[in-house]
């Protein structure tokens, strides 16, 4: 990434907005290399939700910026996201799972006041069946949501917070109302 003084002011504002985002403690975010061919400026974050050493969900949040704008984006910014989580086979086989995943995204953006336009995406279910020496493994279903949208301003903090909520939802974590802190699970002896 370029040095801060060489970044456009709108992109600097967007980066500051991302840094202000609040996320659940179960979610780990870290900066990863951003794609370089999609836009002149970009930042990418990788996400992981872990519990008891087990990965429950992963994802990527990419903020792209082209000061000249893009007719396809209908703006100068574009957010591109990916979330993947493994589900119980009975839940993963539900024919409406894709609709539910998309509805979670739309609701999270609305709930966080993340103004946007030109949203699009795909939801994919992946069934894994094991055979031979792996036959004892239970069937598994993964859900993937790939989505992108154009934020209506450089104030992208609510977008990252909404997406972070989505990753936790995919991981099966219960929602946490504002002002409530979840206690860690008690270990039985």
Protein backbone atom coordinates (compact mmCIF):
# COMPACT_ATOMS: atom_id res chain seq x y z
CA UNK A 1 0.00 0.00 0.00
CA UNK A 2 1.21 3.54 -0.69
CA UNK A 3 2.43 5.82 2.06
CA UNK A 4 -0.43 7.69 3.78
CA UNK A 5 0.38 11.10 2.27
CA UNK A 6 0.09 9.61 -1.24
CA UNK A 7 -3.35 8.12 -0.59
CA UNK A 8 -6.40 10.08 -1.79
CA UNK A 9 -8.20 11.89 1.04
CA UNK A 10 -11.38 9.82 0.54
CA UNK A 11 -9.40 6.58 0.90
CA UNK A 12 -7.60 7.92 3.98
CA UNK A 13 -11.01 8.72 5.50
CA UNK A 14 -12.26 5.22 4.67
CA UNK A 15 -9.20 3.62 6.31
CA UNK A 16 -9.76 5.71 9.46
CA UNK A 17 -13.40 4.61 9.45
CA UNK A 18 -12.39 0.93 9.22
CA UNK A 19 -9.99 1.34 12.16
CA UNK A 20 -12.88 2.63 14.29
CA UNK A 21 -15.00 -0.51 13.75
CA UNK A 22 -16.04 -2.52 16.82
CA UNK A 23 -16.15 -6.31 16.55
CA UNK A 24 -17.01 -9.23 18.80
CA UNK A 25 -14.14 -10.76 20.75
CA UNK A 26 -14.69 -14.16 19.09
CA UNK A 27 -13.80 -12.62 15.72
CA UNK A 28 -10.16 -12.13 14.80
CA UNK A 29 -9.39 -9.66 12.00
CA UNK A 30 -6.02 -9.12 10.41
CA UNK A 31 -4.85 -7.23 7.38
CA UNK A 32 -3.99 -9.42 4.39
CA UNK A 33 -2.70 -8.47 0.93
CA UNK A 34 -5.35 -6.66 -1.10
CA UNK A 35 -5.89 -7.45 -4.78
CA UNK A 36 -3.93 -5.01 -6.93
CA UNK A 37 -5.63 -5.39 -10.31
CA UNK A 38 -9.18 -4.46 -9.30
CA UNK A 39 -8.60 -0.84 -8.25
CA UNK A 40 -5.75 1.63 -7.72
CA UNK A 41 -6.26 1.49 -3.92
CA UNK A 42 -7.44 -1.31 -1.68
CA UNK A 43 -7.27 -2.84 1.74
CA UNK A 44 -8.21 -6.39 2.71
CA UNK A 45 -8.98 -8.03 6.03
CA UNK A 46 -9.08 -11.73 6.80
CA UNK A 47 -11.45 -12.96 9.50
CA UNK A 48 -11.65 -16.06 11.63
CA UNK A 49 -14.09 -17.19 14.30
CA UNK A 50 -12.59 -19.85 16.56
CA UNK A 51 -14.05 -21.75 19.51
CA UNK A 52 -12.17 -24.34 21.54
CA UNK A 53 -9.46 -24.50 18.87
CA UNK A 54 -11.98 -25.19 16.11
CA UNK A 55 -12.51 -22.86 13.18
CA UNK A 56 -16.20 -22.01 12.93
CA UNK A 57 -16.12 -19.48 10.08
CA UNK A 58 -13.67 -17.57 7.90
CA UNK A 59 -13.97 -14.64 5.58
CA UNK A 60 -12.45 -11.75 3.69
CA UNK A 61 -13.50 -8.11 3.59
CA UNK A 62 -11.99 -6.03 0.79
CA UNK A 63 -12.45 -2.30 0.33
CA UNK A 64 -11.54 -1.05 -3.15
CA UNK A 65 -11.21 2.59 -4.18
CA UNK A 66 -10.90 4.15 -7.62
CA UNK A 67 -10.89 7.98 -7.38
CA UNK A 68 -12.16 8.10 -11.00
CA UNK A 69 -15.14 5.93 -10.13
CA UNK A 70 -16.47 2.93 -11.94
CA UNK A 71 -19.74 2.70 -13.88
CA UNK A 72 -20.05 -0.94 -12.74
CA UNK A 73 -19.70 0.09 -9.08
CA UNK A 74 -21.84 3.22 -9.43
CA UNK A 75 -19.31 5.00 -7.21
CA UNK A 76 -15.68 5.34 -6.21
CA UNK A 77 -15.69 2.58 -3.56
CA UNK A 78 -16.62 -1.09 -3.71
CA UNK A 79 -16.76 -3.63 -0.90
CA UNK A 80 -16.13 -7.25 -1.87
CA UNK A 81 -16.71 -9.97 0.73
CA UNK A 82 -16.52 -13.70 1.26
CA UNK A 83 -17.70 -15.84 4.19
CA UNK A 84 -17.45 -19.62 4.61
CA UNK A 85 -18.69 -21.83 7.44
CA UNK A 86 -19.41 -25.51 7.96
CA UNK A 87 -22.96 -26.40 8.97
CA UNK A 88 -24.69 -29.46 10.32
CA UNK A 89 -25.84 -31.59 7.38
CA UNK A 90 -29.54 -31.21 8.25
CA UNK A 91 -29.27 -27.40 8.26
CA UNK A 92 -26.99 -27.30 5.23
CA UNK A 93 -29.39 -29.34 3.12
CA UNK A 94 -32.22 -26.82 3.53
CA UNK A 95 -33.18 -25.60 0.06
CA UNK A 96 -33.74 -22.06 1.41
CA UNK A 97 -30.24 -21.74 2.90
CA UNK A 98 -29.01 -19.40 0.15
CA UNK A 99 -32.03 -17.13 0.61
CA UNK A 100 -31.44 -17.07 4.36
CA UNK A 101 -27.73 -16.23 3.94
CA UNK A 102 -28.56 -13.33 1.62
CA UNK A 103 -31.28 -12.10 4.00
CA UNK A 104 -28.75 -12.13 6.87
CA UNK A 105 -26.50 -9.83 4.84
CA UNK A 106 -29.28 -7.41 3.89
CA UNK A 107 -30.55 -7.30 7.49
CA UNK A 108 -27.05 -6.75 8.93
CA UNK A 109 -26.39 -3.84 6.55
CA UNK A 110 -29.76 -2.28 7.40
CA UNK A 111 -29.34 -2.84 11.15
CA UNK A 112 -25.95 -1.08 11.11
CA UNK A 113 -27.15 1.78 8.93
CA UNK A 114 -24.65 0.85 6.22
CA UNK A 115 -25.95 2.86 3.25
CA UNK A 116 -25.28 1.01 0.01
CA UNK A 117 -26.37 0.37 -3.56
CA UNK A 118 -25.61 -2.08 -6.38
CA UNK A 119 -25.47 -5.13 -4.10
CA UNK A 120 -25.02 -8.54 -5.65
CA UNK A 121 -23.75 -11.95 -4.68
CA UNK A 122 -23.97 -15.70 -4.64
CA UNK A 123 -24.63 -18.26 -1.95
CA UNK A 124 -23.15 -21.72 -2.49
CA UNK A 125 -23.67 -24.96 -0.58
CA UNK A 126 -20.88 -27.53 -0.76
CA UNK A 127 -21.65 -31.11 0.30
CA UNK A 128 -18.69 -33.23 1.41
CA UNK A 129 -19.22 -36.99 1.58
CA UNK A 130 -16.44 -39.32 2.73
CA UNK A 131 -15.61 -42.79 1.39
CA UNK A 132 -13.10 -45.58 1.88
CA UNK A 133 -10.79 -45.04 4.84
CA UNK A 134 -12.59 -41.75 5.54
CA UNK A 135 -16.09 -43.28 5.49
CA UNK A 136 -16.49 -42.84 9.26
CA UNK A 137 -16.50 -39.05 8.84
CA UNK A 138 -19.98 -37.56 8.93
CA UNK A 139 -21.25 -35.71 5.88
CA UNK A 140 -20.54 -31.99 6.05
CA UNK A 141 -22.08 -29.01 4.31
CA UNK A 142 -20.28 -25.71 3.88
CA UNK A 143 -22.04 -22.47 3.04
CA UNK A 144 -20.21 -19.74 1.14
CA UNK A 145 -21.50 -16.25 0.59
CA UNK A 146 -19.74 -14.01 -1.89
CA UNK A 147 -21.17 -10.52 -2.02
CA UNK A 148 -20.23 -7.03 -3.11
CA UNK A 149 -21.85 -3.63 -2.82
CA UNK A 150 -21.09 0.06 -3.19
CA UNK A 151 -21.07 2.06 0.05
CA UNK A 152 -22.74 5.46 -0.28
CA UNK A 153 -19.83 7.24 1.47
CA UNK A 154 -16.29 6.77 2.77
CA UNK A 155 -17.77 6.13 6.24
CA UNK A 156 -17.38 2.36 5.94
CA UNK A 157 -17.24 1.49 9.65
CA UNK A 158 -20.88 0.28 9.68
CA UNK A 159 -20.17 -1.91 6.65
CA UNK A 160 -17.30 -3.70 8.38
CA UNK A 161 -19.35 -4.05 11.56
CA UNK A 162 -22.33 -5.48 9.63
CA UNK A 163 -20.08 -7.92 7.77
CA UNK A 164 -18.37 -8.94 11.02
CA UNK A 165 -21.79 -9.68 12.48
CA UNK A 166 -22.48 -11.85 9.43
CA UNK A 167 -19.30 -13.88 9.95
CA UNK A 168 -20.37 -14.52 13.56
CA UNK A 169 -23.88 -15.45 12.43
CA UNK A 170 -22.44 -17.95 9.95
CA UNK A 171 -20.33 -19.36 12.80
CA UNK A 172 -23.53 -19.99 14.75
CA UNK A 173 -22.83 -17.46 17.50
CA UNK A 174 -25.93 -16.00 19.15
CA UNK A 175 -26.63 -12.31 18.53
CA UNK A 176 -25.48 -9.91 21.24
CA UNK A 177 -27.71 -6.87 21.87
CA UNK A 178 -26.04 -3.47 22.34
CA UNK A 179 -24.68 -3.00 25.83
CA UNK A 180 -24.62 -6.74 26.62
CA UNK A 181 -21.40 -8.70 27.06
CA UNK A 182 -21.45 -12.48 26.80
CA UNK A 183 -19.75 -14.37 29.58
CA UNK A 184 -17.28 -17.04 28.50
CA UNK A 185 -18.67 -20.57 28.69
CA UNK A 186 -18.08 -22.32 32.02
CA UNK A 187 -15.89 -25.37 31.89
CA UNK A 188 -17.22 -28.39 33.69
CA UNK A 189 -14.83 -30.27 35.91
